[in-house]
C-alpha atoms as a PDB file:
ATOM      1  CA  MET A   1     138.355 -23.882 -59.316  1.00  0.00           C
ATOM      2  CA  PRO A   2     142.042 -23.139 -59.727  1.00  0.00           C
ATOM      3  CA  LEU A   3     144.105 -25.976 -61.149  1.00  0.00           C
ATOM      4  CA  LEU A   4     146.375 -26.366 -58.124  1.00  0.00           C
ATOM      5  CA  ALA A   5     143.355 -26.455 -55.796  1.00  0.00           C
ATOM      6  CA  LYS A   6     142.035 -29.387 -57.837  1.00  0.00           C
ATOM      7  CA  VAL A   7     145.434 -31.067 -57.490  1.00  0.00           C
ATOM      8  CA  ASP A   8     145.190 -30.628 -53.697  1.00  0.00           C
ATOM      9  CA  GLU A   9     141.744 -32.218 -53.611  1.00  0.00           C
ATOM     10  CA  ASP A  10     142.862 -35.094 -55.832  1.00  0.00           C
ATOM     11  CA  LEU A  11     145.910 -35.623 -53.625  1.00  0.00           C
ATOM     12  CA  LYS A  12     143.717 -35.910 -50.525  1.00  0.00           C
ATOM     13  CA  ALA A  13     141.403 -38.354 -52.313  1.00  0.00           C
ATOM     14  CA  ALA A  14     144.365 -40.433 -53.511  1.00  0.00           C
ATOM     15  CA  MET A  15     145.791 -40.532 -49.995  1.00  0.00           C
ATOM     16  CA  LYS A  16     142.472 -41.770 -48.606  1.00  0.00           C
ATOM     17  CA  ALA A  17     142.239 -44.386 -51.374  1.00  0.00           C
ATOM     18  CA  ARG A  18     145.874 -45.402 -50.743  1.00  0.00           C
ATOM     19  CA  GLU A  19     146.876 -44.908 -54.389  1.00  0.00           C
ATOM     20  CA  GLU A  20     150.635 -44.750 -53.861  1.00  0.00           C
ATOM     21  CA  LEU A  21     151.644 -43.899 -57.429  1.00  0.00           C
ATOM     22  CA  LYS A  22     149.110 -41.081 -57.728  1.00  0.00           C
ATOM     23  CA  VAL A  23     150.054 -39.691 -54.308  1.00  0.00           C
ATOM     24  CA  SER A  24     153.751 -39.581 -55.149  1.00  0.00           C
ATOM     25  CA  CYS A  25     153.070 -38.104 -58.585  1.00  0.00           C
ATOM     26  CA  LEU A  26     150.806 -35.342 -57.231  1.00  0.00           C
ATOM     27  CA  ARG A  27     153.233 -34.544 -54.418  1.00  0.00           C
ATOM     28  CA  LEU A  28     155.966 -34.149 -57.023  1.00  0.00           C
ATOM     29  CA  LEU A  29     153.684 -31.831 -59.003  1.00  0.00           C
ATOM     30  CA  LYS A  30     152.938 -29.723 -55.926  1.00  0.00           C
ATOM     31  CA  ALA A  31     156.649 -29.444 -55.142  1.00  0.00           C
ATOM     32  CA  ALA A  32     157.478 -28.447 -58.724  1.00  0.00           C
ATOM     33  CA  ALA A  33     154.685 -25.847 -58.700  1.00  0.00           C
ATOM     34  CA  SER A  34     155.879 -24.494 -55.373  1.00  0.00           C
ATOM     35  CA  ASN A  35     159.455 -24.241 -56.657  1.00  0.00           C
ATOM     36  CA  ALA A  36     158.269 -22.460 -59.799  1.00  0.00           C
ATOM     37  CA  ALA A  37     156.250 -19.992 -57.708  1.00  0.00           C
ATOM     38  CA  ILE A  38     159.258 -19.265 -55.512  1.00  0.00           C
ATOM     39  CA  ALA A  39     161.453 -18.783 -58.579  1.00  0.00           C
ATOM     40  CA  LYS A  40     158.938 -16.254 -59.946  1.00  0.00           C
ATOM     41  CA  GLY A  41     158.624 -14.517 -56.573  1.00  0.00           C
ATOM     42  CA  LYS A  42     154.941 -15.366 -56.182  1.00  0.00           C
ATOM     43  CA  SER A  43     152.989 -17.055 -53.433  1.00  0.00           C
ATOM     44  CA  ALA A  44     151.075 -19.218 -55.924  1.00  0.00           C
ATOM     45  CA  LEU A  45     151.019 -19.915 -59.650  1.00  0.00           C
ATOM     46  CA  GLU A  46     148.211 -18.967 -61.979  1.00  0.00           C
ATOM     47  CA  ASP A  47     146.587 -21.739 -64.019  1.00  0.00           C
ATOM     48  CA  ALA A  48     148.587 -20.990 -67.192  1.00  0.00           C
ATOM     49  CA  GLU A  49     151.850 -21.141 -65.256  1.00  0.00           C
ATOM     50  CA  ALA A  50     150.768 -24.344 -63.526  1.00  0.00           C
ATOM     51  CA  MET A  51     150.013 -25.888 -66.933  1.00  0.00           C
ATOM     52  CA  GLU A  52     153.562 -25.026 -68.050  1.00  0.00           C
ATOM     53  CA  VAL A  53     154.934 -26.859 -64.996  1.00  0.00           C
ATOM     54  CA  ILE A  54     152.718 -29.871 -65.728  1.00  0.00           C
ATOM     55  CA  ALA A  55     153.777 -29.919 -69.388  1.00  0.00           C
ATOM     56  CA  LYS A  56     157.415 -29.838 -68.305  1.00  0.00           C
ATOM     57  CA  LEU A  57     156.890 -32.775 -65.934  1.00  0.00           C
ATOM     58  CA  ILE A  58     155.103 -34.749 -68.659  1.00  0.00           C
ATOM     59  CA  LYS A  59     157.991 -34.125 -71.044  1.00  0.00           C
ATOM     60  CA  GLN A  60     160.420 -35.382 -68.393  1.00  0.00           C
ATOM     61  CA  ARG A  61     158.331 -38.534 -67.966  1.00  0.00           C
ATOM     62  CA  GLU A  62     158.263 -39.152 -71.724  1.00  0.00           C
ATOM     63  CA  GLU A  63     162.043 -38.757 -71.937  1.00  0.00           C
ATOM     64  CA  SER A  64     162.425 -41.191 -69.037  1.00  0.00           C
ATOM     65  CA  VAL A  65     160.173 -43.727 -70.773  1.00  0.00           C
ATOM     66  CA  GLU A  66     162.429 -43.526 -73.819  1.00  0.00           C
ATOM     67  CA  ALA A  67     165.589 -43.937 -71.722  1.00  0.00           C
ATOM     68  CA  TYR A  68     164.181 -46.855 -69.718  1.00  0.00           C
ATOM     69  CA  THR A  69     162.982 -48.565 -72.869  1.00  0.00           C
ATOM     70  CA  LYS A  70     166.444 -48.272 -74.417  1.00  0.00           C
ATOM     71  CA  GLY A  71     167.966 -49.504 -71.161  1.00  0.00           C
ATOM     72  CA  ASN A  72     165.705 -52.581 -71.189  1.00  0.00           C
ATOM     73  CA  ARG A  73     163.845 -51.571 -68.004  1.00  0.00           C
ATOM     74  CA  PRO A  74     160.178 -52.050 -68.986  1.00  0.00           C
ATOM     75  CA  GLU A  75     158.879 -51.919 -65.392  1.00  0.00           C
ATOM     76  CA  LEU A  76     160.346 -48.446 -64.853  1.00  0.00           C
ATOM     77  CA  ALA A  77     159.157 -47.298 -68.279  1.00  0.00           C
ATOM     78  CA  GLU A  78     155.614 -48.417 -67.406  1.00  0.00           C
ATOM     79  CA  LYS A  79     155.726 -46.510 -64.089  1.00  0.00           C
ATOM     80  CA  GLU A  80     156.753 -43.338 -65.943  1.00  0.00           C
ATOM     81  CA  ARG A  81     153.943 -43.867 -68.502  1.00  0.00           C
ATOM     82  CA  LYS A  82     151.399 -44.123 -65.687  1.00  0.00           C
ATOM     83  CA  GLU A  83     152.741 -40.941 -64.052  1.00  0.00           C
ATOM     84  CA  ALA A  84     152.534 -39.109 -67.386  1.00  0.00           C
ATOM     85  CA  ALA A  85     148.919 -40.248 -67.769  1.00  0.00           C
ATOM     86  CA  ILE A  86     148.078 -38.936 -64.291  1.00  0.00           C
ATOM     87  CA  LEU A  87     149.643 -35.560 -65.117  1.00  0.00           C
ATOM     88  CA  LYS A  88     147.991 -35.324 -68.554  1.00  0.00           C
ATOM     89  CA  ALA A  89     144.593 -35.403 -66.856  1.00  0.00           C
ATOM     90  CA  TYR A  90     145.286 -31.852 -65.600  1.00  0.00           C
ATOM     91  CA  LEU A  91     145.953 -30.385 -69.041  1.00  0.00           C
ATOM     92  CA  PRO A  92     143.273 -29.383 -71.542  1.00  0.00           C
ATOM     93  CA  ALA A  93     142.607 -31.800 -74.394  1.00  0.00           C
ATOM     94  CA  ALA A  94     145.230 -31.759 -77.131  1.00  0.00           C
ATOM     95  CA  MET A  95     144.441 -29.696 -80.185  1.00  0.00           C
ATOM     96  CA  PRO A  96     143.668 -31.660 -83.364  1.00  0.00           C
ATOM     97  CA  ASP A  97     146.346 -31.385 -86.082  1.00  0.00           C
ATOM     98  CA  GLU A  98     143.938 -29.800 -88.573  1.00  0.00           C
ATOM     99  CA  GLU A  99     142.997 -27.006 -86.162  1.00  0.00           C
ATOM    100  CA  LEU A 100     146.679 -26.410 -85.406  1.00  0.00           C
ATOM    101  CA  LYS A 101     147.514 -26.204 -89.112  1.00  0.00           C
ATOM    102  CA  GLY A 102     144.682 -23.700 -89.581  1.00  0.00           C
ATOM    103  CA  ILE A 103     146.061 -21.473 -86.813  1.00  0.00           C
ATOM    104  CA  ILE A 104     149.531 -21.706 -88.382  1.00  0.00           C
ATOM    105  CA  GLN A 105     148.189 -20.711 -91.819  1.00  0.00           C
ATOM    106  CA  ALA A 106     146.369 -17.729 -90.284  1.00  0.00           C
ATOM    107  CA  ALA A 107     149.562 -16.675 -88.485  1.00  0.00           C
ATOM    108  CA  ILE A 108     151.567 -16.919 -91.726  1.00  0.00           C
ATOM    109  CA  LYS A 109     149.071 -14.614 -93.465  1.00  0.00           C
ATOM    110  CA  GLU A 110     149.013 -12.277 -90.461  1.00  0.00           C
ATOM    111  CA  THR A 111     152.807 -11.955 -90.271  1.00  0.00           C
ATOM    112  CA  GLY A 112     153.420 -12.067 -94.015  1.00  0.00           C
ATOM    113  CA  ALA A 113     156.156 -14.634 -93.449  1.00  0.00           C
ATOM    114  CA  SER A 114     157.661 -16.610 -96.300  1.00  0.00           C
ATOM    115  CA  GLY A 115     160.517 -19.060 -96.188  1.00  0.00           C
ATOM    116  CA  PRO A 116     162.520 -20.293 -93.208  1.00  0.00           C
ATOM    117  CA  GLN A 117     163.545 -16.794 -92.103  1.00  0.00           C
ATOM    118  CA  GLY A 118     159.926 -16.078 -91.110  1.00  0.00           C
ATOM    119  CA  MET A 119     159.718 -19.021 -88.723  1.00  0.00           C
ATOM    120  CA  GLY A 120     160.427 -16.973 -85.580  1.00  0.00           C
ATOM    121  CA  ALA A 121     157.653 -14.487 -86.308  1.00  0.00           C
ATOM    122  CA  VAL A 122     155.144 -17.251 -87.026  1.00  0.00           C
ATOM    123  CA  MET A 123     156.101 -19.191 -83.888  1.00  0.00           C
ATOM    124  CA  LYS A 124     155.739 -16.010 -81.808  1.00  0.00           C
ATOM    125  CA  ALA A 125     152.219 -15.534 -83.206  1.00  0.00           C
ATOM    126  CA  VAL A 126     151.143 -19.196 -82.867  1.00  0.00           C
ATOM    127  CA  LEU A 127     152.481 -20.298 -79.468  1.00  0.00           C
ATOM    128  CA  PRO A 128     150.329 -18.005 -77.278  1.00  0.00           C
ATOM    129  CA  LYS A 129     147.191 -19.207 -79.110  1.00  0.00           C
ATOM    130  CA  VAL A 130     147.940 -22.909 -78.593  1.00  0.00           C
ATOM    131  CA  SER A 131     149.568 -22.745 -75.163  1.00  0.00           C
ATOM    132  CA  GLY A 132     149.004 -25.974 -73.246  1.00  0.00           C
ATOM    133  CA  ARG A 133     147.018 -27.541 -76.071  1.00  0.00           C
ATOM    134  CA  ALA A 134     149.818 -28.381 -78.510  1.00  0.00           C
ATOM    135  CA  ASP A 135     153.406 -29.548 -78.115  1.00  0.00           C
ATOM    136  CA  GLY A 136     156.008 -26.953 -79.108  1.00  0.00           C
ATOM    137  CA  GLY A 137     157.934 -29.516 -81.146  1.00  0.00           C
ATOM    138  CA  LYS A 138     154.857 -30.393 -83.178  1.00  0.00           C
ATOM    139  CA  VAL A 139     154.076 -26.689 -83.728  1.00  0.00           C
ATOM    140  CA  SER A 140     157.641 -26.112 -84.903  1.00  0.00           C
ATOM    141  CA  GLN A 141     157.459 -29.067 -87.286  1.00  0.00           C
ATOM    142  CA  PHE A 142     154.182 -27.870 -88.814  1.00  0.00           C
ATOM    143  CA  VAL A 143     155.438 -24.283 -89.169  1.00  0.00           C
ATOM    144  CA  ARG A 144     158.593 -25.540 -90.872  1.00  0.00           C
ATOM    145  CA  GLU A 145     156.491 -27.623 -93.290  1.00  0.00           C
ATOM    146  CA  ALA A 146     154.131 -24.706 -93.990  1.00  0.00           C
ATOM    147  CA  LEU A 147     157.018 -22.354 -94.722  1.00  0.00           C
ATOM    148  CA  GLY A 148     158.666 -24.865 -97.046  1.00  0.00           C
ATOM    149  CA  LYS A 149     161.609 -25.730 -94.769  1.00  0.00           C
END
């Protein structure tokens, strides 16, 4: 079943169960997916593209949690945490750090990169393999460490 079809079914179920937070969160996701499809000139997004939209929304929620926490607004921070948790349910499980480091080491050997100047080539080789399963910031950090900063 396509990812956005599952979102539609979950939205209907949440509406019937009167889960207001989940309904608003899934409606926001559908709108963001629709906007992304329009921007790409498509009628609907493929699963990989939908996962990119979801990851972007999760990142926004995490940034909001940070801002609300700094602004001493714990109730709003908690709402954003709950929305992020709802959205994370639609992404595949996160890749363990050890597996990610193994993929990075293989990419370094494959590209023959050494030192910081090889970071772009390694990132280009690693990111398609870990798409949706690892955060880009974490990948970048591990590549930088593996290449010796």
